[in-house]
């Protein structure tokens, strides 16, 4: 078993170390699941989720990056500590 050292991050993008979207003609860099699988950019575009597009789920809309093919775009968990927004309770006086 490999020892894991927690590393504090200022931004989640600092931990991006994995390619989820690859090109049909060059799938080698993709490995979203550890088994060398990836999403093909052409298939995503055909389904309406191409670069620079918008996709929705459960009432939320996500803006996709304009250049995400073959780039590190997600993080595998290795014990990183990622920041999260501080939530403050609403006040009747605010």
Protein backbone atom coordinates (compact mmCIF):
# COMPACT_ATOMS: atom_id res chain seq x y z
CA UNK A 1 0.00 0.00 0.00
CA UNK A 2 1.28 3.46 -0.92
CA UNK A 3 1.37 6.16 1.74
CA UNK A 4 -0.78 9.19 0.94
CA UNK A 5 0.26 12.68 1.95
CA UNK A 6 -2.48 15.30 2.14
CA UNK A 7 -1.73 18.40 0.08
CA UNK A 8 -3.73 21.60 0.56
CA UNK A 9 -4.84 23.22 -2.68
CA UNK A 10 -5.83 26.81 -3.35
CA UNK A 11 -7.95 25.78 -6.32
CA UNK A 12 -9.26 22.37 -7.43
CA UNK A 13 -7.74 22.87 -10.89
CA UNK A 14 -4.30 22.51 -9.27
CA UNK A 15 -5.12 18.83 -8.76
CA UNK A 16 -6.19 18.13 -12.36
CA UNK A 17 -4.14 15.09 -13.38
CA UNK A 18 -6.45 13.09 -15.60
CA UNK A 19 -7.80 13.35 -19.16
CA UNK A 20 -11.49 12.48 -19.56
CA UNK A 21 -12.12 13.72 -23.13
CA UNK A 22 -10.07 12.51 -26.09
CA UNK A 23 -10.30 12.73 -29.85
CA UNK A 24 -11.62 9.74 -31.84
CA UNK A 25 -8.39 9.72 -33.85
CA UNK A 26 -6.18 9.79 -30.73
CA UNK A 27 -7.84 8.09 -27.73
CA UNK A 28 -4.53 7.12 -26.06
CA UNK A 29 -4.23 10.05 -23.62
CA UNK A 30 -7.71 9.47 -22.15
CA UNK A 31 -8.08 7.52 -18.92
CA UNK A 32 -11.11 8.73 -17.00
CA UNK A 33 -11.62 5.44 -15.15
CA UNK A 34 -8.17 3.90 -14.69
CA UNK A 35 -8.95 1.37 -17.45
CA UNK A 36 -7.88 3.66 -20.35
CA UNK A 37 -11.46 4.71 -21.19
CA UNK A 38 -12.45 8.24 -22.16
CA UNK A 39 -15.27 10.25 -23.66
CA UNK A 40 -14.82 10.95 -27.37
CA UNK A 41 -15.11 14.64 -28.24
CA UNK A 42 -16.95 13.88 -31.48
CA UNK A 43 -19.58 11.81 -29.66
CA UNK A 44 -20.07 14.52 -27.04
CA UNK A 45 -20.51 17.15 -29.77
CA UNK A 46 -23.06 14.96 -31.60
CA UNK A 47 -25.02 14.68 -28.33
CA UNK A 48 -24.98 18.47 -27.85
CA UNK A 49 -22.15 18.53 -25.30
CA UNK A 50 -19.32 19.82 -27.46
CA UNK A 51 -16.57 22.27 -26.55
CA UNK A 52 -18.01 25.61 -25.45
CA UNK A 53 -21.50 24.14 -25.18
CA UNK A 54 -23.93 24.04 -22.29
CA UNK A 55 -25.48 20.97 -20.71
CA UNK A 56 -28.11 20.70 -18.02
CA UNK A 57 -29.14 18.24 -15.34
CA UNK A 58 -31.69 18.52 -12.52
CA UNK A 59 -32.27 22.21 -13.22
CA UNK A 60 -28.56 23.11 -13.22
CA UNK A 61 -26.70 24.33 -16.29
CA UNK A 62 -23.01 23.67 -16.82
CA UNK A 63 -20.85 25.63 -19.26
CA UNK A 64 -18.29 23.40 -20.94
CA UNK A 65 -14.75 24.64 -21.60
CA UNK A 66 -13.93 25.72 -25.14
CA UNK A 67 -10.79 23.57 -25.31
CA UNK A 68 -11.01 20.39 -23.28
CA UNK A 69 -9.96 17.66 -25.72
CA UNK A 70 -6.80 15.91 -24.52
CA UNK A 71 -6.25 18.25 -21.56
CA UNK A 72 -6.13 17.37 -17.87
CA UNK A 73 -9.67 18.26 -16.84
CA UNK A 74 -10.40 16.34 -13.64
CA UNK A 75 -8.67 15.09 -10.51
CA UNK A 76 -8.23 11.58 -9.23
CA UNK A 77 -8.45 11.40 -5.45
CA UNK A 78 -5.01 11.11 -3.86
CA UNK A 79 -5.72 12.68 -0.45
CA UNK A 80 -5.77 16.28 -1.70
CA UNK A 81 -7.53 18.86 0.45
CA UNK A 82 -9.61 21.10 -1.81
CA UNK A 83 -11.14 24.36 -0.62
CA UNK A 84 -14.88 24.76 -0.39
CA UNK A 85 -16.95 27.91 -0.12
CA UNK A 86 -17.74 29.15 3.36
CA UNK A 87 -21.49 29.12 3.90
CA UNK A 88 -22.88 31.66 6.34
CA UNK A 89 -26.43 31.41 7.68
CA UNK A 90 -28.85 34.04 6.46
CA UNK A 91 -29.64 36.72 8.99
CA UNK A 92 -32.87 38.65 9.46
CA UNK A 93 -30.70 41.78 9.73
CA UNK A 94 -28.75 41.36 6.49
